[in-house]
Amino acid sequence: MDIKQLRSFVTISETKNITKAAALLNIVQPAVSRQIHLLEEELGVELFERGRHGMHLTNEGKILEGYARRALKEIESAKIELTSSDSAIKGTINIGILGSLSELLSVALMRIIKKKYPDVNLKISVGYSGHLKEWLEAGDIDLALIYGSVSSKFLEVQPIVREKLWLIGPKTSELKYDQALSIEELSEHPLILPYAPHRLRTLIEQGFNRENKTIIIGAEINDINVQKQLVIEGFGYTILPLVSMKNDLQQKIVKVAPIEHKDFTREVALALPNTRHISKLVHTISQEIIHCSKIAVETKAWLGGEWIGK
């Protein structure tokens, strides 16, 4: 198995056609066919189903595709790092950011990186913490800001910010910014929450269970923007970190109240993969993310954030 074979395999999986793949790779069609034949022979499996409507991955081909893409990406990263000068930071990096932080950090990061590292192509993927962990472990993203403070076999986690969770209600509610609520008081409000086993949902359920209280489910939505809109329109309440409601608070279209319970806090952490080499590019940009986050906390732009990083 070599790089040329993997490139041919991935290109055919994208184009579903050997002729088109050969044109993209700038080699003759018989050469591409031979590379796939040798790859299938070495692995002892068929990677494609050949038919009138093109070439489609078999189940074995689908398994190989993820590994092949990651291998080619790692090789390209190594090539960039080895051929760059000592001071050059360049290449493509994909950062994962929590939905609640995307508005706060995405533009600021883009501004800093474009100014300091003009040869870096920054990609930002927004998602829930569980999805970001999966993408990071799979190699789809290079680093991420996630919830959680415990490292694992696959991820090295560095906590940087602690957040409290708040009850968010419509502007017609009687919530007060300086009046904390107990779990018993929370249990009186219909809540718009993400589906289980979403990490936030699990945390909330644990808090209610400790106090032997039952959650009144108003709606279950796995989209933070829809959750907020339903609250704004008076369909119920939700529980989120204050930073996710920054613009809504400025527009005075919601009211909020702190929650008086130790379980209703969580830590934002920088996560890096344990299973692959951390390039100079990834290390450099990870430090910029930490610096950008610290500034956001110190300037109060990160509402409700407490700096706990080193």
C-alpha atoms as a PDB file:
ATOM      1  CA  MET A   1       0.000   0.000   0.000  1.00  0.00           C
ATOM      2  CA  ASP A   2       1.497   3.348  -1.024  1.00  0.00           C
ATOM      3  CA  ILE A   3       0.515   7.013  -1.310  1.00  0.00           C
ATOM      4  CA  LYS A   4      -0.296   6.805  -5.030  1.00  0.00           C
ATOM      5  CA  GLN A   5      -2.691   3.928  -4.422  1.00  0.00           C
ATOM      6  CA  LEU A   6      -4.425   5.783  -1.593  1.00  0.00           C
ATOM      7  CA  ARG A   7      -4.751   8.947  -3.690  1.00  0.00           C
ATOM      8  CA  SER A   8      -6.248   6.986  -6.557  1.00  0.00           C
ATOM      9  CA  PHE A   9      -8.624   5.200  -4.180  1.00  0.00           C
ATOM     10  CA  VAL A  10      -9.852   8.430  -2.539  1.00  0.00           C
ATOM     11  CA  THR A  11     -10.213  10.240  -5.876  1.00  0.00           C
ATOM     12  CA  ILE A  12     -12.299   7.420  -7.360  1.00  0.00           C
ATOM     13  CA  SER A  13     -14.466   7.351  -4.222  1.00  0.00           C
ATOM     14  CA  GLU A  14     -15.180  11.050  -4.842  1.00  0.00           C
ATOM     15  CA  THR A  15     -15.693  10.950  -8.620  1.00  0.00           C
ATOM     16  CA  LYS A  16     -17.112   7.395  -8.847  1.00  0.00           C
ATOM     17  CA  ASN A  17     -15.388   7.173 -12.215  1.00  0.00           C
ATOM     18  CA  ILE A  18     -11.869   5.994 -13.158  1.00  0.00           C
ATOM     19  CA  THR A  19     -11.626   8.268 -16.214  1.00  0.00           C
ATOM     20  CA  LYS A  20     -12.492  11.359 -14.192  1.00  0.00           C
ATOM     21  CA  ALA A  21     -10.132  10.283 -11.403  1.00  0.00           C
ATOM     22  CA  ALA A  22      -7.279   9.805 -13.885  1.00  0.00           C
ATOM     23  CA  ALA A  23      -7.864  13.296 -15.291  1.00  0.00           C
ATOM     24  CA  LEU A  24      -7.795  14.848 -11.810  1.00  0.00           C
ATOM     25  CA  LEU A  25      -4.651  12.916 -10.889  1.00  0.00           C
ATOM     26  CA  ASN A  26      -3.049  13.758 -14.252  1.00  0.00           C
ATOM     27  CA  ILE A  27      -2.170  10.131 -15.018  1.00  0.00           C
ATOM     28  CA  VAL A  28      -3.455   7.642 -17.589  1.00  0.00           C
ATOM     29  CA  GLN A  29      -6.518   5.545 -16.827  1.00  0.00           C
ATOM     30  CA  PRO A  30      -4.733   2.143 -16.971  1.00  0.00           C
ATOM     31  CA  ALA A  31      -2.318   3.342 -14.264  1.00  0.00           C
ATOM     32  CA  VAL A  32      -5.214   4.227 -11.957  1.00  0.00           C
ATOM     33  CA  SER A  33      -6.895   0.883 -12.613  1.00  0.00           C
ATOM     34  CA  ARG A  34      -3.654  -0.952 -11.830  1.00  0.00           C
ATOM     35  CA  GLN A  35      -3.179   0.950  -8.541  1.00  0.00           C
ATOM     36  CA  ILE A  36      -6.676  -0.033  -7.403  1.00  0.00           C
ATOM     37  CA  HIS A  37      -6.123  -3.630  -8.505  1.00  0.00           C
ATOM     38  CA  LEU A  38      -2.869  -3.842  -6.520  1.00  0.00           C
ATOM     39  CA  LEU A  39      -4.515  -2.274  -3.469  1.00  0.00           C
ATOM     40  CA  GLU A  40      -7.429  -4.725  -3.558  1.00  0.00           C
ATOM     41  CA  GLU A  41      -5.028  -7.617  -4.097  1.00  0.00           C
ATOM     42  CA  GLU A  42      -2.896  -6.608  -1.105  1.00  0.00           C
ATOM     43  CA  LEU A  43      -5.906  -6.185   1.189  1.00  0.00           C
ATOM     44  CA  GLY A  44      -7.719  -9.246  -0.099  1.00  0.00           C
ATOM     45  CA  VAL A  45     -11.041  -7.416  -0.515  1.00  0.00           C
ATOM     46  CA  GLU A  46     -13.005  -5.603  -3.201  1.00  0.00           C
ATOM     47  CA  LEU A  47     -13.128  -1.879  -2.521  1.00  0.00           C
ATOM     48  CA  PHE A  48     -15.576  -0.876  -5.255  1.00  0.00           C
ATOM     49  CA  GLU A  49     -18.731  -2.202  -6.812  1.00  0.00           C
ATOM     50  CA  ARG A  50     -18.460  -1.656 -10.566  1.00  0.00           C
ATOM     51  CA  GLY A  51     -21.667  -0.899 -12.419  1.00  0.00           C
ATOM     52  CA  ARG A  52     -23.250   1.073 -15.242  1.00  0.00           C
ATOM     53  CA  HIS A  53     -23.761   4.036 -12.938  1.00  0.00           C
ATOM     54  CA  GLY A  54     -20.165   4.238 -11.802  1.00  0.00           C
ATOM     55  CA  MET A  55     -17.993   2.863  -9.031  1.00  0.00           C
ATOM     56  CA  HIS A  56     -19.349   2.808  -5.498  1.00  0.00           C
ATOM     57  CA  LEU A  57     -17.571   1.857  -2.305  1.00  0.00           C
ATOM     58  CA  THR A  58     -18.202  -1.555  -0.817  1.00  0.00           C
ATOM     59  CA  ASN A  59     -18.513  -1.862   2.964  1.00  0.00           C
ATOM     60  CA  GLU A  60     -14.791  -2.647   3.073  1.00  0.00           C
ATOM     61  CA  GLY A  61     -14.109   0.383   0.891  1.00  0.00           C
ATOM     62  CA  LYS A  62     -16.060   2.624   3.246  1.00  0.00           C
ATOM     63  CA  ILE A  63     -13.921   1.410   6.145  1.00  0.00           C
ATOM     64  CA  LEU A  64     -10.704   2.102   4.251  1.00  0.00           C
ATOM     65  CA  GLU A  65     -11.874   5.538   3.061  1.00  0.00           C
ATOM     66  CA  GLY A  66     -11.699   7.151   6.514  1.00  0.00           C
ATOM     67  CA  TYR A  67      -8.233   5.744   7.191  1.00  0.00           C
ATOM     68  CA  ALA A  68      -6.997   6.720   3.727  1.00  0.00           C
ATOM     69  CA  ARG A  69      -8.177  10.319   4.040  1.00  0.00           C
ATOM     70  CA  ARG A  70      -6.554  10.678   7.461  1.00  0.00           C
ATOM     71  CA  ALA A  71      -3.306   9.122   6.218  1.00  0.00           C
ATOM     72  CA  LEU A  72      -3.115  11.482   3.244  1.00  0.00           C
ATOM     73  CA  LYS A  73      -3.888  14.447   5.479  1.00  0.00           C
ATOM     74  CA  GLU A  74      -1.129  13.472   7.937  1.00  0.00           C
ATOM     75  CA  ILE A  75       1.372  13.013   5.106  1.00  0.00           C
ATOM     76  CA  GLU A  76       0.509  16.434   3.682  1.00  0.00           C
ATOM     77  CA  SER A  77       0.885  18.022   7.132  1.00  0.00           C
ATOM     78  CA  ALA A  78       4.278  16.348   7.577  1.00  0.00           C
ATOM     79  CA  LYS A  79       5.386  17.551   4.156  1.00  0.00           C
ATOM     80  CA  ILE A  80       4.411  21.138   4.967  1.00  0.00           C
ATOM     81  CA  GLU A  81       6.148  21.041   8.338  1.00  0.00           C
ATOM     82  CA  LEU A  82       9.336  19.476   6.994  1.00  0.00           C
ATOM     83  CA  THR A  83       9.662  21.830   4.031  1.00  0.00           C
ATOM     84  CA  SER A  84       8.761  25.032   5.910  1.00  0.00           C
ATOM     85  CA  SER A  85      11.383  27.355   7.322  1.00  0.00           C
ATOM     86  CA  ASP A  86      11.823  27.428  11.101  1.00  0.00           C
ATOM     87  CA  SER A  87       9.657  30.516  11.428  1.00  0.00           C
ATOM     88  CA  ALA A  88       7.000  29.736   8.815  1.00  0.00           C
ATOM     89  CA  ILE A  89       3.521  28.745   9.966  1.00  0.00           C
ATOM     90  CA  LYS A  90       1.385  27.642   7.046  1.00  0.00           C
ATOM     91  CA  GLY A  91      -1.102  25.039   5.948  1.00  0.00           C
ATOM     92  CA  THR A  92      -4.756  24.192   6.547  1.00  0.00           C
ATOM     93  CA  ILE A  93      -6.181  23.701  10.024  1.00  0.00           C
ATOM     94  CA  ASN A  94      -9.718  22.769  11.023  1.00  0.00           C
ATOM     95  CA  ILE A  95     -10.854  23.972  14.453  1.00  0.00           C
ATOM     96  CA  GLY A  96     -13.933  22.687  16.253  1.00  0.00           C
ATOM     97  CA  ILE A  97     -15.919  25.193  18.321  1.00  0.00           C
ATOM     98  CA  LEU A  98     -18.988  24.770  20.498  1.00  0.00           C
ATOM     99  CA  GLY A  99     -22.158  26.359  19.182  1.00  0.00           C
ATOM    100  CA  SER A 100     -22.500  28.487  22.318  1.00  0.00           C
ATOM    101  CA  LEU A 101     -19.051  30.007  21.651  1.00  0.00           C
ATOM    102  CA  SER A 102     -19.054  30.335  17.875  1.00  0.00           C
ATOM    103  CA  GLU A 103     -20.259  33.953  17.788  1.00  0.00           C
ATOM    104  CA  LEU A 104     -17.837  34.964  20.531  1.00  0.00           C
ATOM    105  CA  LEU A 105     -14.653  33.360  19.197  1.00  0.00           C
ATOM    106  CA  SER A 106     -14.926  32.566  15.469  1.00  0.00           C
ATOM    107  CA  VAL A 107     -14.515  36.087  14.100  1.00  0.00           C
ATOM    108  CA  ALA A 108     -11.871  37.028  16.676  1.00  0.00           C
ATOM    109  CA  LEU A 109      -9.825  33.927  15.836  1.00  0.00           C
ATOM    110  CA  MET A 110     -10.147  34.493  12.114  1.00  0.00           C
ATOM    111  CA  ARG A 111      -8.989  38.089  12.524  1.00  0.00           C
ATOM    112  CA  ILE A 112      -5.941  37.146  14.613  1.00  0.00           C
ATOM    113  CA  ILE A 113      -4.857  34.220  12.457  1.00  0.00           C
ATOM    114  CA  LYS A 114      -5.239  36.061   9.145  1.00  0.00           C
ATOM    115  CA  LYS A 115      -3.182  38.947  10.515  1.00  0.00           C
ATOM    116  CA  LYS A 116      -0.378  36.927  12.146  1.00  0.00           C
ATOM    117  CA  TYR A 117      -0.326  33.867   9.876  1.00  0.00           C
ATOM    118  CA  PRO A 118      -1.411  34.882   6.353  1.00  0.00           C
ATOM    119  CA  ASP A 119      -0.390  31.495   4.917  1.00  0.00           C
ATOM    120  CA  VAL A 120      -2.739  29.581   7.196  1.00  0.00           C
ATOM    121  CA  ASN A 121      -6.096  28.447   5.817  1.00  0.00           C
ATOM    122  CA  LEU A 122      -8.471  28.354   8.786  1.00  0.00           C
ATOM    123  CA  LYS A 123     -11.581  26.178   8.757  1.00  0.00           C
ATOM    124  CA  ILE A 124     -14.081  26.258  11.625  1.00  0.00           C
ATOM    125  CA  SER A 125     -16.523  23.446  12.378  1.00  0.00           C
ATOM    126  CA  VAL A 126     -19.314  24.229  14.846  1.00  0.00           C
ATOM    127  CA  GLY A 127     -21.008  21.466  16.813  1.00  0.00           C
ATOM    128  CA  TYR A 128     -22.030  19.979  20.123  1.00  0.00           C
ATOM    129  CA  SER A 129     -19.286  18.726  22.440  1.00  0.00           C
ATOM    130  CA  GLY A 130     -19.994  15.049  21.735  1.00  0.00           C
ATOM    131  CA  HIS A 131     -19.814  15.588  17.986  1.00  0.00           C
ATOM    132  CA  LEU A 132     -16.583  17.584  18.290  1.00  0.00           C
ATOM    133  CA  LYS A 133     -14.960  14.748  20.256  1.00  0.00           C
ATOM    134  CA  GLU A 134     -15.983  12.239  17.591  1.00  0.00           C
ATOM    135  CA  TRP A 135     -14.649  14.463  14.790  1.00  0.00           C
ATOM    136  CA  LEU A 136     -11.396  15.018  16.673  1.00  0.00           C
ATOM    137  CA  GLU A 137     -10.842  11.314  17.313  1.00  0.00           C
ATOM    138  CA  ALA A 138     -11.667  10.533  13.664  1.00  0.00           C
ATOM    139  CA  GLY A 139      -9.191  13.132  12.398  1.00  0.00           C
ATOM    140  CA  ASP A 140     -11.839  15.303  10.755  1.00  0.00           C
ATOM    141  CA  ILE A 141     -10.730  18.291  12.848  1.00  0.00           C
ATOM    142  CA  ASP A 142      -7.309  19.105  14.335  1.00  0.00           C
ATOM    143  CA  LEU A 143      -8.277  20.548  17.725  1.00  0.00           C
ATOM    144  CA  ALA A 144     -11.410  21.685  19.493  1.00  0.00           C
ATOM    145  CA  LEU A 145     -12.963  23.572  22.354  1.00  0.00           C
ATOM    146  CA  ILE A 146     -15.198  21.082  24.149  1.00  0.00           C
ATOM    147  CA  TYR A 147     -16.960  20.614  27.472  1.00  0.00           C
ATOM    148  CA  GLY A 148     -15.240  18.349  29.967  1.00  0.00           C
ATOM    149  CA  SER A 149     -12.040  18.319  32.005  1.00  0.00           C
ATOM    150  CA  VAL A 150     -10.910  14.686  31.879  1.00  0.00           C
ATOM    151  CA  SER A 151      -8.369  13.430  29.348  1.00  0.00           C
ATOM    152  CA  SER A 152      -8.891  10.035  27.718  1.00  0.00           C
ATOM    153  CA  LYS A 153      -7.023   7.412  25.746  1.00  0.00           C
ATOM    154  CA  PHE A 154      -7.651   9.438  22.593  1.00  0.00           C
ATOM    155  CA  LEU A 155      -7.766  13.067  23.763  1.00  0.00           C
ATOM    156  CA  GLU A 156      -5.538  15.363  25.808  1.00  0.00           C
ATOM    157  CA  VAL A 157      -7.791  17.896  27.524  1.00  0.00           C
ATOM    158  CA  GLN A 158      -6.749  21.228  29.053  1.00  0.00           C
ATOM    159  CA  PRO A 159      -9.516  23.093  30.976  1.00  0.00           C
ATOM    160  CA  ILE A 160      -9.394  26.846  30.402  1.00  0.00           C
ATOM    161  CA  VAL A 161     -12.763  28.385  31.382  1.00  0.00           C
ATOM    162  CA  ARG A 162     -15.437  27.494  33.934  1.00  0.00           C
ATOM    163  CA  GLU A 163     -19.027  28.483  33.152  1.00  0.00           C
ATOM    164  CA  LYS A 164     -22.149  28.583  35.271  1.00  0.00           C
ATOM    165  CA  LEU A 165     -25.457  27.565  33.750  1.00  0.00           C
ATOM    166  CA  TRP A 166     -28.419  29.950  33.874  1.00  0.00           C
ATOM    167  CA  LEU A 167     -32.151  29.616  33.481  1.00  0.00           C
ATOM    168  CA  ILE A 168     -33.229  31.512  30.368  1.00  0.00           C
ATOM    169  CA  GLY A 169     -36.806  32.738  30.020  1.00  0.00           C
ATOM    170  CA  PRO A 170     -38.893  35.033  27.803  1.00  0.00           C
ATOM    171  CA  LYS A 171     -38.869  38.755  28.499  1.00  0.00           C
ATOM    172  CA  THR A 172     -42.341  38.439  30.029  1.00  0.00           C
ATOM    173  CA  SER A 173     -41.037  36.093  32.742  1.00  0.00           C
ATOM    174  CA  GLU A 174     -40.250  37.138  36.306  1.00  0.00           C
ATOM    175  CA  LEU A 175     -36.649  35.953  36.263  1.00  0.00           C
ATOM    176  CA  LYS A 176     -34.114  38.266  37.905  1.00  0.00           C
ATOM    177  CA  TYR A 177     -30.411  38.484  37.121  1.00  0.00           C
ATOM    178  CA  ASP A 178     -29.448  38.735  40.794  1.00  0.00           C
ATOM    179  CA  GLN A 179     -31.912  36.197  42.219  1.00  0.00           C
ATOM    180  CA  ALA A 180     -30.633  32.617  42.194  1.00  0.00           C
ATOM    181  CA  LEU A 181     -33.060  29.731  41.755  1.00  0.00           C
ATOM    182  CA  SER A 182     -33.036  26.329  43.444  1.00  0.00           C
ATOM    183  CA  ILE A 183     -33.677  23.027  41.663  1.00  0.00           C
ATOM    184  CA  GLU A 184     -37.110  22.989  43.289  1.00  0.00           C
ATOM    185  CA  GLU A 185     -37.909  26.326  41.641  1.00  0.00           C
ATOM    186  CA  LEU A 186     -36.501  25.122  38.320  1.00  0.00           C
ATOM    187  CA  SER A 187     -38.822  22.120  38.442  1.00  0.00           C
ATOM    188  CA  GLU A 188     -41.807  24.467  38.172  1.00  0.00           C
ATOM    189  CA  HIS A 189     -40.830  25.624  34.657  1.00  0.00           C
ATOM    190  CA  PRO A 190     -41.273  23.702  31.364  1.00  0.00           C
ATOM    191  CA  LEU A 191     -37.802  23.285  29.879  1.00  0.00           C
ATOM    192  CA  ILE A 192     -36.723  23.245  26.236  1.00  0.00           C
ATOM    193  CA  LEU A 193     -33.719  20.925  26.218  1.00  0.00           C
ATOM    194  CA  PRO A 194     -31.558  18.896  23.829  1.00  0.00           C
ATOM    195  CA  TYR A 195     -32.266  15.187  23.464  1.00  0.00           C
ATOM    196  CA  ALA A 196     -30.628  12.699  25.826  1.00  0.00           C
ATOM    197  CA  PRO A 197     -27.825  11.636  25.955  1.00  0.00           C
ATOM    198  CA  HIS A 198     -26.588  15.140  25.081  1.00  0.00           C
ATOM    199  CA  ARG A 199     -23.992  16.167  27.693  1.00  0.00           C
ATOM    200  CA  LEU A 200     -25.941  19.243  28.822  1.00  0.00           C
ATOM    201  CA  ARG A 201     -29.117  17.178  29.167  1.00  0.00           C
ATOM    202  CA  THR A 202     -27.220  14.602  31.249  1.00  0.00           C
ATOM    203  CA  LEU A 203     -25.816  17.296  33.538  1.00  0.00           C
ATOM    204  CA  ILE A 204     -29.270  18.822  34.101  1.00  0.00           C
ATOM    205  CA  GLU A 205     -30.836  15.428  34.775  1.00  0.00           C
ATOM    206  CA  GLN A 206     -28.127  14.615  37.325  1.00  0.00           C
ATOM    207  CA  GLY A 207     -28.827  17.859  39.177  1.00  0.00           C
ATOM    208  CA  PHE A 208     -32.570  17.185  39.276  1.00  0.00           C
ATOM    209  CA  ASN A 209     -32.052  13.565  40.354  1.00  0.00           C
ATOM    210  CA  ARG A 210     -29.841  14.613  43.280  1.00  0.00           C
ATOM    211  CA  GLU A 211     -32.737  16.692  44.600  1.00  0.00           C
ATOM    212  CA  ASN A 212     -35.380  14.076  43.711  1.00  0.00           C
ATOM    213  CA  LYS A 213     -37.110  16.478  41.356  1.00  0.00           C
ATOM    214  CA  THR A 214     -38.685  15.823  37.962  1.00  0.00           C
ATOM    215  CA  ILE A 215     -38.012  17.866  34.824  1.00  0.00           C
ATOM    216  CA  ILE A 216     -41.035  19.237  33.007  1.00  0.00           C
ATOM    217  CA  ILE A 217     -40.111  18.800  29.341  1.00  0.00           C
ATOM    218  CA  GLY A 218     -41.579  21.548  27.181  1.00  0.00           C
ATOM    219  CA  ALA A 219     -39.761  20.472  24.014  1.00  0.00           C
ATOM    220  CA  GLU A 220     -36.666  18.546  22.939  1.00  0.00           C
ATOM    221  CA  ILE A 221     -34.534  20.264  20.300  1.00  0.00           C
ATOM    222  CA  ASN A 222     -30.918  19.505  19.321  1.00  0.00           C
ATOM    223  CA  ASP A 223     -30.328  22.987  17.935  1.00  0.00           C
ATOM    224  CA  ILE A 224     -29.306  25.802  20.249  1.00  0.00           C
ATOM    225  CA  ASN A 225     -30.683  28.518  17.945  1.00  0.00           C
ATOM    226  CA  VAL A 226     -34.102  26.866  17.825  1.00  0.00           C
ATOM    227  CA  GLN A 227     -34.024  26.402  21.605  1.00  0.00           C
ATOM    228  CA  LYS A 228     -33.406  30.110  22.076  1.00  0.00           C
ATOM    229  CA  GLN A 229     -36.067  31.129  19.569  1.00  0.00           C
ATOM    230  CA  LEU A 230     -38.696  28.977  21.285  1.00  0.00           C
ATOM    231  CA  VAL A 231     -37.828  30.646  24.593  1.00  0.00           C
ATOM    232  CA  ILE A 232     -38.031  34.104  23.045  1.00  0.00           C
ATOM    233  CA  GLU A 233     -41.477  33.293  21.670  1.00  0.00           C
ATOM    234  CA  GLY A 234     -42.681  32.116  25.068  1.00  0.00           C
ATOM    235  CA  PHE A 235     -42.866  28.339  24.593  1.00  0.00           C
ATOM    236  CA  GLY A 236     -40.851  27.640  27.718  1.00  0.00           C
ATOM    237  CA  TYR A 237     -37.465  28.059  29.394  1.00  0.00           C
ATOM    238  CA  THR A 238     -34.036  26.625  28.761  1.00  0.00           C
ATOM    239  CA  ILE A 239     -30.733  26.192  30.589  1.00  0.00           C
ATOM    240  CA  LEU A 240     -27.585  27.512  28.936  1.00  0.00           C
ATOM    241  CA  PRO A 241     -24.331  29.326  29.735  1.00  0.00           C
ATOM    242  CA  LEU A 242     -24.769  33.095  29.783  1.00  0.00           C
ATOM    243  CA  VAL A 243     -22.337  33.655  26.900  1.00  0.00           C
ATOM    244  CA  SER A 244     -24.701  31.913  24.480  1.00  0.00           C
ATOM    245  CA  MET A 245     -27.345  34.577  25.203  1.00  0.00           C
ATOM    246  CA  LYS A 246     -25.115  37.648  24.881  1.00  0.00           C
ATOM    247  CA  ASN A 247     -26.866  39.227  21.886  1.00  0.00           C
ATOM    248  CA  ASP A 248     -30.331  38.335  23.213  1.00  0.00           C
ATOM    249  CA  LEU A 249     -29.548  40.004  26.537  1.00  0.00           C
ATOM    250  CA  GLN A 250     -28.301  43.119  24.783  1.00  0.00           C
ATOM    251  CA  GLN A 251     -31.567  43.257  22.830  1.00  0.00           C
ATOM    252  CA  LYS A 252     -33.518  42.665  26.074  1.00  0.00           C
ATOM    253  CA  ILE A 253     -35.605  39.910  24.494  1.00  0.00           C
ATOM    254  CA  VAL A 254     -34.933  37.365  27.263  1.00  0.00           C
ATOM    255  CA  LYS A 255     -34.546  37.342  31.031  1.00  0.00           C
ATOM    256  CA  VAL A 256     -32.101  35.201  32.987  1.00  0.00           C
ATOM    257  CA  ALA A 257     -31.515  33.932  36.502  1.00  0.00           C
ATOM    258  CA  PRO A 258     -28.543  32.097  38.048  1.00  0.00           C
ATOM    259  CA  ILE A 259     -28.982  28.545  39.316  1.00  0.00           C
ATOM    260  CA  GLU A 260     -27.984  27.790  42.889  1.00  0.00           C
ATOM    261  CA  HIS A 261     -26.539  24.290  42.583  1.00  0.00           C
ATOM    262  CA  LYS A 262     -22.975  22.982  42.322  1.00  0.00           C
ATOM    263  CA  ASP A 263     -23.839  20.603  39.480  1.00  0.00           C
ATOM    264  CA  PHE A 264     -24.870  23.452  37.195  1.00  0.00           C
ATOM    265  CA  THR A 265     -21.358  24.442  36.146  1.00  0.00           C
ATOM    266  CA  ARG A 266     -19.140  23.055  33.435  1.00  0.00           C
ATOM    267  CA  GLU A 267     -15.639  23.540  32.110  1.00  0.00           C
ATOM    268  CA  VAL A 268     -14.616  24.495  28.593  1.00  0.00           C
ATOM    269  CA  ALA A 269     -11.391  22.780  27.573  1.00  0.00           C
ATOM    270  CA  LEU A 270      -8.959  22.756  24.683  1.00  0.00           C
ATOM    271  CA  ALA A 271      -8.770  19.209  23.326  1.00  0.00           C
ATOM    272  CA  LEU A 272      -5.980  17.747  21.194  1.00  0.00           C
ATOM    273  CA  PRO A 273      -5.664  14.181  19.859  1.00  0.00           C
ATOM    274  CA  ASN A 274      -3.385  11.734  21.677  1.00  0.00           C
ATOM    275  CA  THR A 275      -3.222   9.377  18.732  1.00  0.00           C
ATOM    276  CA  ARG A 276      -1.323  11.480  16.198  1.00  0.00           C
ATOM    277  CA  HIS A 277       1.565  13.925  15.963  1.00  0.00           C
ATOM    278  CA  ILE A 278       0.773  17.525  16.946  1.00  0.00           C
ATOM    279  CA  SER A 279       2.273  19.672  14.212  1.00  0.00           C
ATOM    280  CA  LYS A 280       3.843  23.075  14.700  1.00  0.00           C
ATOM    281  CA  LEU A 281       0.793  24.582  13.015  1.00  0.00           C
ATOM    282  CA  VAL A 282      -1.675  22.901  15.386  1.00  0.00           C
ATOM    283  CA  HIS A 283       0.415  23.760  18.458  1.00  0.00           C
ATOM    284  CA  THR A 284       0.733  27.408  17.405  1.00  0.00           C
ATOM    285  CA  ILE A 285      -2.965  27.865  16.673  1.00  0.00           C
ATOM    286  CA  SER A 286      -3.930  26.099  19.919  1.00  0.00           C
ATOM    287  CA  GLN A 287      -1.960  28.739  21.834  1.00  0.00           C
ATOM    288  CA  GLU A 288      -3.755  31.489  19.915  1.00  0.00           C
ATOM    289  CA  ILE A 289      -7.106  29.953  20.889  1.00  0.00           C
ATOM    290  CA  ILE A 290      -6.086  29.921  24.555  1.00  0.00           C
ATOM    291  CA  HIS A 291      -4.917  33.534  24.344  1.00  0.00           C
ATOM    292  CA  CYS A 292      -8.086  34.646  22.541  1.00  0.00           C
ATOM    293  CA  SER A 293     -10.263  32.888  25.130  1.00  0.00           C
ATOM    294  CA  LYS A 294      -8.383  34.471  28.027  1.00  0.00           C
ATOM    295  CA  ILE A 295      -8.824  37.946  26.571  1.00  0.00           C
ATOM    296  CA  ALA A 296     -12.550  37.287  26.106  1.00  0.00           C
ATOM    297  CA  VAL A 297     -12.857  36.342  29.799  1.00  0.00           C
ATOM    298  CA  GLU A 298     -10.739  39.243  31.076  1.00  0.00           C
ATOM    299  CA  THR A 299     -12.658  41.816  29.010  1.00  0.00           C
ATOM    300  CA  LYS A 300     -16.017  40.331  30.136  1.00  0.00           C
ATOM    301  CA  ALA A 301     -16.899  39.533  26.540  1.00  0.00           C
ATOM    302  CA  TRP A 302     -17.221  35.912  27.689  1.00  0.00           C
ATOM    303  CA  LEU A 303     -20.222  36.513  29.924  1.00  0.00           C
ATOM    304  CA  GLY A 304     -20.151  34.392  33.050  1.00  0.00           C
ATOM    305  CA  GLY A 305     -16.744  32.923  32.218  1.00  0.00           C
ATOM    306  CA  GLU A 306     -14.088  32.288  34.884  1.00  0.00           C
ATOM    307  CA  TRP A 307     -10.507  31.751  33.705  1.00  0.00           C
ATOM    308  CA  ILE A 308      -8.997  28.505  35.059  1.00  0.00           C
ATOM    309  CA  GLY A 309      -6.293  27.968  32.442  1.00  0.00           C
ATOM    310  CA  LYS A 310      -2.594  27.968  33.126  1.00  0.00           C
END
